[in-house]
Amino acid sequence: MVKGLGLQFLSTHDLEAIHEATLRVLAESGLKVFGDEALDIYAAAGCDVDKENNIVKIPRRVVEDAIEAAPSRILMAGRDPKYDVFLEGTRVTFTNFGTGIMMMDPETGELRKSTKQDLGDVARICDALDEVDMFTIAVTAQDVPEETRELHEAEAVFHNTSKHFGHDTSGAWGTRYFIEMAAAVAGGKEKLRERPIVSMGTCPNSPLELHDFSTEIIIECARAGLPCDILSMAMAGGTSPVTLAGTLVVTNAEILGGIVLAQLVRKGAPVIYGSSTTIMDLLYTTSPVGAPEHGMIGAAVGQLGHFYKIPTDVGGT
């Protein structure tokens, strides 16, 4: 862990301008939101909900109340307390990147699909590296039934690391079962809430959509008191405006829309302001995570998270 000021890419005026533009987007254009339960939660809080078209317009006061309610310090507990990590302020922590689908076999050098064993092996390596503070799904298990894949992945990680584990579940069903698994490891749901040894994450569907799997994960995490990383992956020039300022507004609106939902479910629910937003390579129609713009956007997102005093996660290579 290191502490530092980092790259100050945006001025205070820039941050305030992005915030104001985001509030206008959320209140006037809104988000496209799927999932009846989520729509009902927004409506009960005074949002303008059009169920026929799945549009939710969120008033300024609801957004700002959610920002105020979100905790500025989150415990990401390890199964072994010596691996406890606190997300707060300008404290920097590191996790591995994910989620790969191919592996270069360490024995043969063959490029092949990743397996459950590969995931466990990578988790054990990261467990031994002091530089890695937390673990997330590094590669996906493609040799198990798709219907239960995320639970197999959880098993592989639980067997191979004592560090905090961030999982990518795919909706309400998988999230509930994963929470049951984590509770069994932690010694019960109350102990899991007190020391959250796991967290989950979900990505809005850019531009400006929260699909049912995302809203379900946010709702289940908030109810269980577990950290939820709401991570936008907009692509400038593809799924968001080509200008970086416009893309930051879209990214901010998507994240804040999810944070609002979490706080409406349970005020004070731990949430992480997340982004792996980058540009679209218009020649190859790919998402270049090594592009300079990715770093620029990441620096700006980090400032936005600090502006809101919400722990922030920025993807990068």
C-alpha atoms as a PDB file:
ATOM      1  CA  MET A   1       0.000   0.000   0.000  1.00  0.00           C
ATOM      2  CA  VAL A   2       1.197   3.486  -0.803  1.00  0.00           C
ATOM      3  CA  LYS A   3      -0.164   6.933  -0.206  1.00  0.00           C
ATOM      4  CA  GLY A   4       0.104   9.802  -2.654  1.00  0.00           C
ATOM      5  CA  LEU A   5      -1.679  12.602  -4.403  1.00  0.00           C
ATOM      6  CA  GLY A   6      -1.655  11.047  -7.865  1.00  0.00           C
ATOM      7  CA  LEU A   7      -2.298  12.780 -11.185  1.00  0.00           C
ATOM      8  CA  GLN A   8      -4.665  15.728 -10.790  1.00  0.00           C
ATOM      9  CA  PHE A   9      -6.179  15.576 -14.266  1.00  0.00           C
ATOM     10  CA  LEU A  10      -9.280  17.670 -13.492  1.00  0.00           C
ATOM     11  CA  SER A  11      -9.615  21.028 -11.753  1.00  0.00           C
ATOM     12  CA  THR A  12     -12.207  21.635  -9.047  1.00  0.00           C
ATOM     13  CA  HIS A  13     -14.243  23.519 -11.646  1.00  0.00           C
ATOM     14  CA  ASP A  14     -14.064  20.497 -13.992  1.00  0.00           C
ATOM     15  CA  LEU A  15     -15.270  18.151 -11.257  1.00  0.00           C
ATOM     16  CA  GLU A  16     -18.183  20.399 -10.402  1.00  0.00           C
ATOM     17  CA  ALA A  17     -19.113  20.751 -14.078  1.00  0.00           C
ATOM     18  CA  ILE A  18     -19.117  16.954 -14.588  1.00  0.00           C
ATOM     19  CA  HIS A  19     -21.196  16.542 -11.426  1.00  0.00           C
ATOM     20  CA  GLU A  20     -23.773  19.106 -12.551  1.00  0.00           C
ATOM     21  CA  ALA A  21     -23.980  17.625 -16.057  1.00  0.00           C
ATOM     22  CA  THR A  22     -24.448  14.168 -14.531  1.00  0.00           C
ATOM     23  CA  LEU A  23     -27.292  15.357 -12.319  1.00  0.00           C
ATOM     24  CA  ARG A  24     -29.032  16.796 -15.391  1.00  0.00           C
ATOM     25  CA  VAL A  25     -28.626  13.533 -17.298  1.00  0.00           C
ATOM     26  CA  LEU A  26     -30.041  11.486 -14.420  1.00  0.00           C
ATOM     27  CA  ALA A  27     -32.954  13.848 -13.805  1.00  0.00           C
ATOM     28  CA  GLU A  28     -33.888  14.699 -17.401  1.00  0.00           C
ATOM     29  CA  SER A  29     -32.840  11.717 -19.553  1.00  0.00           C
ATOM     30  CA  GLY A  30     -32.562   9.097 -16.849  1.00  0.00           C
ATOM     31  CA  LEU A  31     -31.291   5.541 -16.959  1.00  0.00           C
ATOM     32  CA  LYS A  32     -32.801   2.513 -18.665  1.00  0.00           C
ATOM     33  CA  VAL A  33     -33.316   0.114 -15.762  1.00  0.00           C
ATOM     34  CA  PHE A  34     -34.475  -3.506 -15.862  1.00  0.00           C
ATOM     35  CA  GLY A  35     -35.858  -5.608 -13.023  1.00  0.00           C
ATOM     36  CA  ASP A  36     -39.271  -5.059 -11.455  1.00  0.00           C
ATOM     37  CA  GLU A  37     -37.908  -4.962  -7.920  1.00  0.00           C
ATOM     38  CA  ALA A  38     -35.370  -2.271  -8.805  1.00  0.00           C
ATOM     39  CA  LEU A  39     -38.031  -0.190 -10.564  1.00  0.00           C
ATOM     40  CA  ASP A  40     -40.259  -0.406  -7.494  1.00  0.00           C
ATOM     41  CA  ILE A  41     -37.388   0.652  -5.215  1.00  0.00           C
ATOM     42  CA  TYR A  42     -36.627   3.718  -7.322  1.00  0.00           C
ATOM     43  CA  ALA A  43     -40.326   4.618  -7.545  1.00  0.00           C
ATOM     44  CA  ALA A  44     -40.799   4.367  -3.766  1.00  0.00           C
ATOM     45  CA  ALA A  45     -37.989   6.904  -3.296  1.00  0.00           C
ATOM     46  CA  GLY A  46     -39.691   9.480  -5.477  1.00  0.00           C
ATOM     47  CA  CYS A  47     -37.973   8.807  -8.798  1.00  0.00           C
ATOM     48  CA  ASP A  48     -39.942   9.206 -12.026  1.00  0.00           C
ATOM     49  CA  VAL A  49     -40.336   5.609 -13.227  1.00  0.00           C
ATOM     50  CA  ASP A  50     -41.730   4.713 -16.644  1.00  0.00           C
ATOM     51  CA  LYS A  51     -42.211   0.941 -16.383  1.00  0.00           C
ATOM     52  CA  GLU A  52     -43.422   0.585 -19.962  1.00  0.00           C
ATOM     53  CA  ASN A  53     -40.111   1.901 -21.307  1.00  0.00           C
ATOM     54  CA  ASN A  54     -37.933   1.008 -18.306  1.00  0.00           C
ATOM     55  CA  ILE A  55     -36.809   4.608 -17.850  1.00  0.00           C
ATOM     56  CA  VAL A  56     -35.905   5.893 -14.384  1.00  0.00           C
ATOM     57  CA  LYS A  57     -35.321   9.609 -13.858  1.00  0.00           C
ATOM     58  CA  ILE A  58     -33.582  10.313 -10.573  1.00  0.00           C
ATOM     59  CA  PRO A  59     -34.048  13.706  -8.874  1.00  0.00           C
ATOM     60  CA  ARG A  60     -31.020  15.643  -7.700  1.00  0.00           C
ATOM     61  CA  ARG A  61     -31.884  15.256  -4.016  1.00  0.00           C
ATOM     62  CA  VAL A  62     -32.021  11.444  -4.312  1.00  0.00           C
ATOM     63  CA  VAL A  63     -28.602  11.315  -5.967  1.00  0.00           C
ATOM     64  CA  GLU A  64     -26.989  13.646  -3.453  1.00  0.00           C
ATOM     65  CA  ASP A  65     -28.582  11.828  -0.503  1.00  0.00           C
ATOM     66  CA  ALA A  66     -27.097   8.553  -1.819  1.00  0.00           C
ATOM     67  CA  ILE A  67     -23.637  10.099  -2.204  1.00  0.00           C
ATOM     68  CA  GLU A  68     -23.838  11.383   1.362  1.00  0.00           C
ATOM     69  CA  ALA A  69     -24.990   7.987   2.681  1.00  0.00           C
ATOM     70  CA  ALA A  70     -22.277   5.925   0.976  1.00  0.00           C
ATOM     71  CA  PRO A  71     -19.444   5.152   3.430  1.00  0.00           C
ATOM     72  CA  SER A  72     -16.040   6.727   2.821  1.00  0.00           C
ATOM     73  CA  ARG A  73     -14.178   3.804   4.406  1.00  0.00           C
ATOM     74  CA  ILE A  74     -14.762   0.134   3.615  1.00  0.00           C
ATOM     75  CA  LEU A  75     -13.228  -2.957   5.187  1.00  0.00           C
ATOM     76  CA  MET A  76     -12.248  -5.594   2.631  1.00  0.00           C
ATOM     77  CA  ALA A  77     -11.544  -8.338   5.131  1.00  0.00           C
ATOM     78  CA  GLY A  78      -9.230 -11.243   4.524  1.00  0.00           C
ATOM     79  CA  ARG A  79      -9.996 -14.714   5.838  1.00  0.00           C
ATOM     80  CA  ASP A  80      -6.706 -14.202   7.638  1.00  0.00           C
ATOM     81  CA  PRO A  81      -6.974 -10.795   9.395  1.00  0.00           C
ATOM     82  CA  LYS A  82      -3.369  -9.984   8.489  1.00  0.00           C
ATOM     83  CA  TYR A  83      -4.681  -9.478   4.938  1.00  0.00           C
ATOM     84  CA  ASP A  84      -7.369  -6.959   5.941  1.00  0.00           C
ATOM     85  CA  VAL A  85      -7.514  -3.976   3.592  1.00  0.00           C
ATOM     86  CA  PHE A  86      -9.291  -0.671   4.122  1.00  0.00           C
ATOM     87  CA  LEU A  87     -10.409   1.308   1.094  1.00  0.00           C
ATOM     88  CA  GLU A  88     -10.424   5.008   1.916  1.00  0.00           C
ATOM     89  CA  GLY A  89      -9.254   8.392   0.702  1.00  0.00           C
ATOM     90  CA  THR A  90      -5.992   8.349  -1.234  1.00  0.00           C
ATOM     91  CA  ARG A  91      -4.843   4.975   0.092  1.00  0.00           C
ATOM     92  CA  VAL A  92      -3.818   2.801  -2.858  1.00  0.00           C
ATOM     93  CA  THR A  93      -4.305  -0.967  -2.916  1.00  0.00           C
ATOM     94  CA  PHE A  94      -3.769  -3.475  -5.694  1.00  0.00           C
ATOM     95  CA  THR A  95      -5.643  -6.439  -7.089  1.00  0.00           C
ATOM     96  CA  ASN A  96      -5.033  -8.588 -10.141  1.00  0.00           C
ATOM     97  CA  PHE A  97      -6.768  -7.950 -13.449  1.00  0.00           C
ATOM     98  CA  GLY A  98      -9.556 -10.181 -14.778  1.00  0.00           C
ATOM     99  CA  THR A  99     -11.269 -11.998 -16.348  1.00  0.00           C
ATOM    100  CA  GLY A 100      -9.103 -13.898 -18.832  1.00  0.00           C
ATOM    101  CA  ILE A 101     -10.481 -16.652 -21.015  1.00  0.00           C
ATOM    102  CA  MET A 102      -7.209 -18.127 -22.343  1.00  0.00           C
ATOM    103  CA  MET A 103      -4.119 -19.526 -20.639  1.00  0.00           C
ATOM    104  CA  MET A 104      -0.649 -20.315 -21.875  1.00  0.00           C
ATOM    105  CA  ASP A 105      -0.116 -23.749 -20.395  1.00  0.00           C
ATOM    106  CA  PRO A 106       2.883 -23.553 -18.022  1.00  0.00           C
ATOM    107  CA  GLU A 107       3.974 -27.086 -18.939  1.00  0.00           C
ATOM    108  CA  THR A 108       3.471 -27.195 -22.722  1.00  0.00           C
ATOM    109  CA  GLY A 109       3.324 -23.546 -23.745  1.00  0.00           C
ATOM    110  CA  GLU A 110       0.042 -24.288 -25.529  1.00  0.00           C
ATOM    111  CA  LEU A 111      -2.533 -21.491 -25.717  1.00  0.00           C
ATOM    112  CA  ARG A 112      -5.818 -22.983 -24.498  1.00  0.00           C
ATOM    113  CA  LYS A 113      -9.055 -22.169 -22.717  1.00  0.00           C
ATOM    114  CA  SER A 114      -8.697 -21.500 -18.996  1.00  0.00           C
ATOM    115  CA  THR A 115      -9.915 -24.045 -16.442  1.00  0.00           C
ATOM    116  CA  LYS A 116     -11.008 -24.237 -12.823  1.00  0.00           C
ATOM    117  CA  GLN A 117      -7.574 -25.587 -11.918  1.00  0.00           C
ATOM    118  CA  ASP A 118      -5.921 -22.614 -13.612  1.00  0.00           C
ATOM    119  CA  LEU A 119      -8.031 -20.229 -11.532  1.00  0.00           C
ATOM    120  CA  GLY A 120      -7.036 -21.989  -8.323  1.00  0.00           C
ATOM    121  CA  ASP A 121      -3.369 -21.952  -9.326  1.00  0.00           C
ATOM    122  CA  VAL A 122      -3.419 -18.213 -10.083  1.00  0.00           C
ATOM    123  CA  ALA A 123      -5.239 -17.530  -6.799  1.00  0.00           C
ATOM    124  CA  ARG A 124      -2.518 -19.393  -4.901  1.00  0.00           C
ATOM    125  CA  ILE A 125       0.214 -17.399  -6.656  1.00  0.00           C
ATOM    126  CA  CYS A 126      -1.524 -14.110  -5.832  1.00  0.00           C
ATOM    127  CA  ASP A 127      -1.967 -15.285  -2.255  1.00  0.00           C
ATOM    128  CA  ALA A 128       1.826 -15.549  -2.000  1.00  0.00           C
ATOM    129  CA  LEU A 129       2.539 -12.131  -3.528  1.00  0.00           C
ATOM    130  CA  ASP A 130       2.801  -9.306  -1.002  1.00  0.00           C
ATOM    131  CA  GLU A 131       2.150  -6.803  -3.792  1.00  0.00           C
ATOM    132  CA  VAL A 132      -1.375  -8.162  -4.358  1.00  0.00           C
ATOM    133  CA  ASP A 133      -3.739  -6.968  -1.611  1.00  0.00           C
ATOM    134  CA  MET A 134      -6.959  -8.630  -2.829  1.00  0.00           C
ATOM    135  CA  PHE A 135      -7.918 -11.264  -5.370  1.00  0.00           C
ATOM    136  CA  THR A 136     -10.484 -11.143  -8.133  1.00  0.00           C
ATOM    137  CA  ILE A 137     -11.396 -13.738 -10.758  1.00  0.00           C
ATOM    138  CA  ALA A 138      -8.252 -13.830 -12.910  1.00  0.00           C
ATOM    139  CA  VAL A 139      -9.415 -16.428 -15.442  1.00  0.00           C
ATOM    140  CA  THR A 140     -12.755 -18.084 -15.930  1.00  0.00           C
ATOM    141  CA  ALA A 141     -13.405 -21.805 -15.419  1.00  0.00           C
ATOM    142  CA  GLN A 142     -14.485 -23.074 -18.822  1.00  0.00           C
ATOM    143  CA  ASP A 143     -14.364 -26.779 -18.018  1.00  0.00           C
ATOM    144  CA  VAL A 144     -17.398 -26.797 -15.695  1.00  0.00           C
ATOM    145  CA  PRO A 145     -21.143 -26.518 -16.406  1.00  0.00           C
ATOM    146  CA  GLU A 146     -22.049 -22.979 -17.406  1.00  0.00           C
ATOM    147  CA  GLU A 147     -25.092 -22.950 -15.092  1.00  0.00           C
ATOM    148  CA  THR A 148     -22.930 -23.337 -11.979  1.00  0.00           C
ATOM    149  CA  ARG A 149     -19.655 -21.900 -13.274  1.00  0.00           C
ATOM    150  CA  GLU A 150     -19.503 -18.957 -10.849  1.00  0.00           C
ATOM    151  CA  LEU A 151     -19.946 -21.285  -7.864  1.00  0.00           C
ATOM    152  CA  HIS A 152     -17.167 -23.557  -9.110  1.00  0.00           C
ATOM    153  CA  GLU A 153     -14.986 -20.462  -9.455  1.00  0.00           C
ATOM    154  CA  ALA A 154     -15.806 -19.433  -5.894  1.00  0.00           C
ATOM    155  CA  GLU A 155     -14.825 -22.891  -4.640  1.00  0.00           C
ATOM    156  CA  ALA A 156     -11.493 -22.738  -6.479  1.00  0.00           C
ATOM    157  CA  VAL A 157     -10.658 -19.351  -4.957  1.00  0.00           C
ATOM    158  CA  PHE A 158     -11.792 -20.191  -1.419  1.00  0.00           C
ATOM    159  CA  HIS A 159      -9.449 -23.195  -1.462  1.00  0.00           C
ATOM    160  CA  ASN A 160      -6.451 -21.174  -2.579  1.00  0.00           C
ATOM    161  CA  THR A 161      -6.352 -17.752  -0.933  1.00  0.00           C
ATOM    162  CA  SER A 162      -6.768 -16.207   2.505  1.00  0.00           C
ATOM    163  CA  LYS A 163      -7.019 -12.699   1.033  1.00  0.00           C
ATOM    164  CA  HIS A 164     -10.193 -10.762   0.299  1.00  0.00           C
ATOM    165  CA  PHE A 165     -12.021 -12.184  -2.708  1.00  0.00           C
ATOM    166  CA  GLY A 166     -14.002 -10.116  -5.190  1.00  0.00           C
ATOM    167  CA  HIS A 167     -16.286 -12.243  -7.360  1.00  0.00           C
ATOM    168  CA  ASP A 168     -18.183 -11.599 -10.578  1.00  0.00           C
ATOM    169  CA  THR A 169     -21.583 -13.199 -10.173  1.00  0.00           C
ATOM    170  CA  SER A 170     -24.220 -13.055 -12.893  1.00  0.00           C
ATOM    171  CA  GLY A 171     -27.492 -12.225 -11.147  1.00  0.00           C
ATOM    172  CA  ALA A 172     -29.687 -12.877  -8.133  1.00  0.00           C
ATOM    173  CA  TRP A 173     -29.453 -16.685  -8.138  1.00  0.00           C
ATOM    174  CA  GLY A 174     -25.671 -16.889  -8.290  1.00  0.00           C
ATOM    175  CA  THR A 175     -25.211 -13.986  -5.892  1.00  0.00           C
ATOM    176  CA  ARG A 176     -27.421 -15.572  -3.228  1.00  0.00           C
ATOM    177  CA  TYR A 177     -25.634 -18.916  -3.443  1.00  0.00           C
ATOM    178  CA  PHE A 178     -22.235 -17.234  -3.404  1.00  0.00           C
ATOM    179  CA  ILE A 179     -23.232 -15.323  -0.266  1.00  0.00           C
ATOM    180  CA  GLU A 180     -24.287 -18.637   1.301  1.00  0.00           C
ATOM    181  CA  MET A 181     -20.873 -20.111   0.474  1.00  0.00           C
ATOM    182  CA  ALA A 182     -19.062 -17.081   1.894  1.00  0.00           C
ATOM    183  CA  ALA A 183     -21.208 -17.181   5.050  1.00  0.00           C
ATOM    184  CA  ALA A 184     -20.314 -20.844   5.571  1.00  0.00           C
ATOM    185  CA  VAL A 185     -16.624 -19.935   5.320  1.00  0.00           C
ATOM    186  CA  ALA A 186     -16.973 -16.874   7.581  1.00  0.00           C
ATOM    187  CA  GLY A 187     -19.035 -18.619  10.267  1.00  0.00           C
ATOM    188  CA  GLY A 188     -22.474 -17.215   9.500  1.00  0.00           C
ATOM    189  CA  LYS A 189     -24.131 -14.277   7.785  1.00  0.00           C
ATOM    190  CA  GLU A 190     -23.721 -11.896  10.702  1.00  0.00           C
ATOM    191  CA  LYS A 191     -20.019 -12.636  10.941  1.00  0.00           C
ATOM    192  CA  LEU A 192     -19.785 -12.169   7.173  1.00  0.00           C
ATOM    193  CA  ARG A 193     -21.463  -8.769   7.507  1.00  0.00           C
ATOM    194  CA  GLU A 194     -19.063  -7.797  10.321  1.00  0.00           C
ATOM    195  CA  ARG A 195     -16.022  -8.987   8.394  1.00  0.00           C
ATOM    196  CA  PRO A 196     -16.845  -9.064   4.674  1.00  0.00           C
ATOM    197  CA  ILE A 197     -14.312 -11.523   3.298  1.00  0.00           C
ATOM    198  CA  VAL A 198     -15.934 -11.237  -0.125  1.00  0.00           C
ATOM    199  CA  SER A 199     -17.287  -8.510  -2.342  1.00  0.00           C
ATOM    200  CA  MET A 200     -19.060  -8.474  -5.680  1.00  0.00           C
ATOM    201  CA  GLY A 201     -19.124  -6.265  -8.714  1.00  0.00           C
ATOM    202  CA  THR A 202     -21.296  -5.482 -11.676  1.00  0.00           C
ATOM    203  CA  CYS A 203     -20.961  -3.449 -14.848  1.00  0.00           C
ATOM    204  CA  PRO A 204     -23.682  -1.164 -16.196  1.00  0.00           C
ATOM    205  CA  ASN A 205     -24.427  -1.656 -19.882  1.00  0.00           C
ATOM    206  CA  SER A 206     -23.244   1.510 -21.594  1.00  0.00           C
ATOM    207  CA  PRO A 207     -24.707   3.844 -22.468  1.00  0.00           C
ATOM    208  CA  LEU A 208     -26.840   4.496 -19.395  1.00  0.00           C
ATOM    209  CA  GLU A 209     -28.391   1.085 -18.748  1.00  0.00           C
ATOM    210  CA  LEU A 210     -28.656  -1.103 -15.653  1.00  0.00           C
ATOM    211  CA  HIS A 211     -29.837  -4.549 -16.696  1.00  0.00           C
ATOM    212  CA  ASP A 212     -31.626  -6.963 -14.413  1.00  0.00           C
ATOM    213  CA  PHE A 213     -28.493  -8.939 -13.533  1.00  0.00           C
ATOM    214  CA  SER A 214     -26.808  -5.717 -12.376  1.00  0.00           C
ATOM    215  CA  THR A 215     -29.736  -4.464 -10.322  1.00  0.00           C
ATOM    216  CA  GLU A 216     -30.142  -7.910  -8.740  1.00  0.00           C
ATOM    217  CA  ILE A 217     -26.470  -8.016  -7.679  1.00  0.00           C
ATOM    218  CA  ILE A 218     -26.624  -4.484  -6.260  1.00  0.00           C
ATOM    219  CA  ILE A 219     -29.792  -5.291  -4.295  1.00  0.00           C
ATOM    220  CA  GLU A 220     -28.482  -8.588  -2.882  1.00  0.00           C
ATOM    221  CA  CYS A 221     -25.129  -7.058  -1.880  1.00  0.00           C
ATOM    222  CA  ALA A 222     -26.809  -4.143  -0.122  1.00  0.00           C
ATOM    223  CA  ARG A 223     -29.120  -6.456   1.813  1.00  0.00           C
ATOM    224  CA  ALA A 224     -26.213  -8.643   2.889  1.00  0.00           C
ATOM    225  CA  GLY A 225     -24.050  -5.638   3.836  1.00  0.00           C
ATOM    226  CA  LEU A 226     -21.308  -6.681   1.417  1.00  0.00           C
ATOM    227  CA  PRO A 227     -19.234  -4.293  -0.714  1.00  0.00           C
ATOM    228  CA  CYS A 228     -20.413  -3.917  -4.305  1.00  0.00           C
ATOM    229  CA  ASP A 229     -18.157  -2.484  -7.004  1.00  0.00           C
ATOM    230  CA  ILE A 230     -20.322  -0.663  -9.570  1.00  0.00           C
ATOM    231  CA  LEU A 231     -17.910  -0.479 -12.469  1.00  0.00           C
ATOM    232  CA  SER A 232     -18.629   1.333 -15.712  1.00  0.00           C
ATOM    233  CA  MET A 233     -16.900   0.096 -18.861  1.00  0.00           C
ATOM    234  CA  ALA A 234     -18.022   2.743 -21.331  1.00  0.00           C
ATOM    235  CA  MET A 235     -15.999   3.132 -24.532  1.00  0.00           C
ATOM    236  CA  ALA A 236     -15.471   6.648 -25.859  1.00  0.00           C
ATOM    237  CA  GLY A 237     -16.465   6.767 -29.510  1.00  0.00           C
ATOM    238  CA  GLY A 238     -18.415   3.520 -29.198  1.00  0.00           C
ATOM    239  CA  THR A 239     -20.869   3.305 -26.335  1.00  0.00           C
ATOM    240  CA  SER A 240     -20.273   6.829 -25.020  1.00  0.00           C
ATOM    241  CA  PRO A 241     -19.393  10.245 -26.499  1.00  0.00           C
ATOM    242  CA  VAL A 242     -16.055  10.462 -28.295  1.00  0.00           C
ATOM    243  CA  THR A 243     -15.003  13.370 -26.060  1.00  0.00           C
ATOM    244  CA  LEU A 244     -13.459  12.411 -22.743  1.00  0.00           C
ATOM    245  CA  ALA A 245     -15.621  14.955 -20.905  1.00  0.00           C
ATOM    246  CA  GLY A 246     -18.806  13.460 -22.371  1.00  0.00           C
ATOM    247  CA  THR A 247     -17.649   9.942 -21.583  1.00  0.00           C
ATOM    248  CA  LEU A 248     -16.928  10.932 -17.980  1.00  0.00           C
ATOM    249  CA  VAL A 249     -20.499  12.213 -17.635  1.00  0.00           C
ATOM    250  CA  VAL A 250     -21.912   8.926 -18.964  1.00  0.00           C
ATOM    251  CA  THR A 251     -19.569   6.913 -16.738  1.00  0.00           C
ATOM    252  CA  ASN A 252     -20.484   8.995 -13.711  1.00  0.00           C
ATOM    253  CA  ALA A 253     -24.218   8.702 -14.374  1.00  0.00           C
ATOM    254  CA  GLU A 254     -24.034   4.919 -14.670  1.00  0.00           C
ATOM    255  CA  ILE A 255     -22.064   4.516 -11.442  1.00  0.00           C
ATOM    256  CA  LEU A 256     -24.146   6.969  -9.434  1.00  0.00           C
ATOM    257  CA  GLY A 257     -27.362   5.348 -10.685  1.00  0.00           C
ATOM    258  CA  GLY A 258     -26.187   2.054  -9.196  1.00  0.00           C
ATOM    259  CA  ILE A 259     -25.009   3.702  -5.985  1.00  0.00           C
ATOM    260  CA  VAL A 260     -28.445   5.287  -5.585  1.00  0.00           C
ATOM    261  CA  LEU A 261     -30.093   1.857  -5.847  1.00  0.00           C
ATOM    262  CA  ALA A 262     -27.763   0.381  -3.213  1.00  0.00           C
ATOM    263  CA  GLN A 263     -28.440   3.210  -0.758  1.00  0.00           C
ATOM    264  CA  LEU A 264     -32.199   2.993  -1.313  1.00  0.00           C
ATOM    265  CA  VAL A 265     -32.063  -0.692  -0.400  1.00  0.00           C
ATOM    266  CA  ARG A 266     -29.950  -0.108   2.702  1.00  0.00           C
ATOM    267  CA  LYS A 267     -28.653   3.293   3.721  1.00  0.00           C
ATOM    268  CA  GLY A 268     -24.933   3.090   4.350  1.00  0.00           C
ATOM    269  CA  ALA A 269     -24.436   0.028   2.128  1.00  0.00           C
ATOM    270  CA  PRO A 270     -20.742  -0.263   1.194  1.00  0.00           C
ATOM    271  CA  VAL A 271     -20.233   0.619  -2.470  1.00  0.00           C
ATOM    272  CA  ILE A 272     -17.184   1.159  -4.637  1.00  0.00           C
ATOM    273  CA  TYR A 273     -17.070   3.786  -7.379  1.00  0.00           C
ATOM    274  CA  GLY A 274     -15.560   1.723 -10.189  1.00  0.00           C
ATOM    275  CA  SER A 275     -14.444   2.226 -13.769  1.00  0.00           C
ATOM    276  CA  SER A 276     -12.495   0.526 -16.507  1.00  0.00           C
ATOM    277  CA  THR A 277     -13.736   3.028 -19.067  1.00  0.00           C
ATOM    278  CA  THR A 278     -11.498   3.515 -22.100  1.00  0.00           C
ATOM    279  CA  ILE A 279     -11.753   4.477 -25.765  1.00  0.00           C
ATOM    280  CA  MET A 280     -12.901   2.315 -28.656  1.00  0.00           C
ATOM    281  CA  ASP A 281     -10.286   1.563 -31.270  1.00  0.00           C
ATOM    282  CA  LEU A 282     -12.312   2.653 -34.294  1.00  0.00           C
ATOM    283  CA  LEU A 283     -10.047   0.772 -36.725  1.00  0.00           C
ATOM    284  CA  TYR A 284     -10.232  -2.628 -35.017  1.00  0.00           C
ATOM    285  CA  THR A 285     -13.435  -2.053 -32.949  1.00  0.00           C
ATOM    286  CA  THR A 286     -11.667  -3.262 -29.819  1.00  0.00           C
ATOM    287  CA  SER A 287     -11.358  -1.973 -26.261  1.00  0.00           C
ATOM    288  CA  PRO A 288      -7.658  -1.085 -25.758  1.00  0.00           C
ATOM    289  CA  VAL A 289      -7.041  -1.147 -22.014  1.00  0.00           C
ATOM    290  CA  GLY A 290      -3.463  -0.042 -22.608  1.00  0.00           C
ATOM    291  CA  ALA A 291      -4.422   3.135 -24.477  1.00  0.00           C
ATOM    292  CA  PRO A 292      -3.188   6.467 -23.058  1.00  0.00           C
ATOM    293  CA  GLU A 293      -6.814   7.596 -22.838  1.00  0.00           C
ATOM    294  CA  HIS A 294      -7.535   4.725 -20.477  1.00  0.00           C
ATOM    295  CA  GLY A 295      -5.006   6.130 -18.044  1.00  0.00           C
ATOM    296  CA  MET A 296      -6.352   9.649 -18.488  1.00  0.00           C
ATOM    297  CA  ILE A 297      -9.915   8.521 -17.826  1.00  0.00           C
ATOM    298  CA  GLY A 298      -8.754   6.420 -14.878  1.00  0.00           C
ATOM    299  CA  ALA A 299      -7.047   9.431 -13.313  1.00  0.00           C
ATOM    300  CA  ALA A 300     -10.195  11.508 -13.796  1.00  0.00           C
ATOM    301  CA  VAL A 301     -12.402   8.767 -12.334  1.00  0.00           C
ATOM    302  CA  GLY A 302     -10.110   8.570  -9.319  1.00  0.00           C
ATOM    303  CA  GLN A 303     -10.620  12.284  -8.772  1.00  0.00           C
ATOM    304  CA  LEU A 304     -14.386  11.928  -9.095  1.00  0.00           C
ATOM    305  CA  GLY A 305     -14.391   9.176  -6.473  1.00  0.00           C
ATOM    306  CA  HIS A 306     -12.374  11.394  -4.129  1.00  0.00           C
ATOM    307  CA  PHE A 307     -14.715  14.301  -4.912  1.00  0.00           C
ATOM    308  CA  TYR A 308     -17.625  12.166  -3.678  1.00  0.00           C
ATOM    309  CA  LYS A 309     -15.551  10.648  -0.833  1.00  0.00           C
ATOM    310  CA  ILE A 310     -16.458   7.135  -2.041  1.00  0.00           C
ATOM    311  CA  PRO A 311     -13.775   4.404  -2.289  1.00  0.00           C
ATOM    312  CA  THR A 312     -12.766   4.068  -5.915  1.00  0.00           C
ATOM    313  CA  ASP A 313     -11.617   1.218  -8.175  1.00  0.00           C
ATOM    314  CA  VAL A 314      -9.870   1.949 -11.455  1.00  0.00           C
ATOM    315  CA  GLY A 315      -8.959  -0.805 -13.920  1.00  0.00           C
ATOM    316  CA  GLY A 316      -5.689  -0.698 -15.815  1.00  0.00           C
ATOM    317  CA  THR A 317      -2.669  -2.577 -17.021  1.00  0.00           C
END
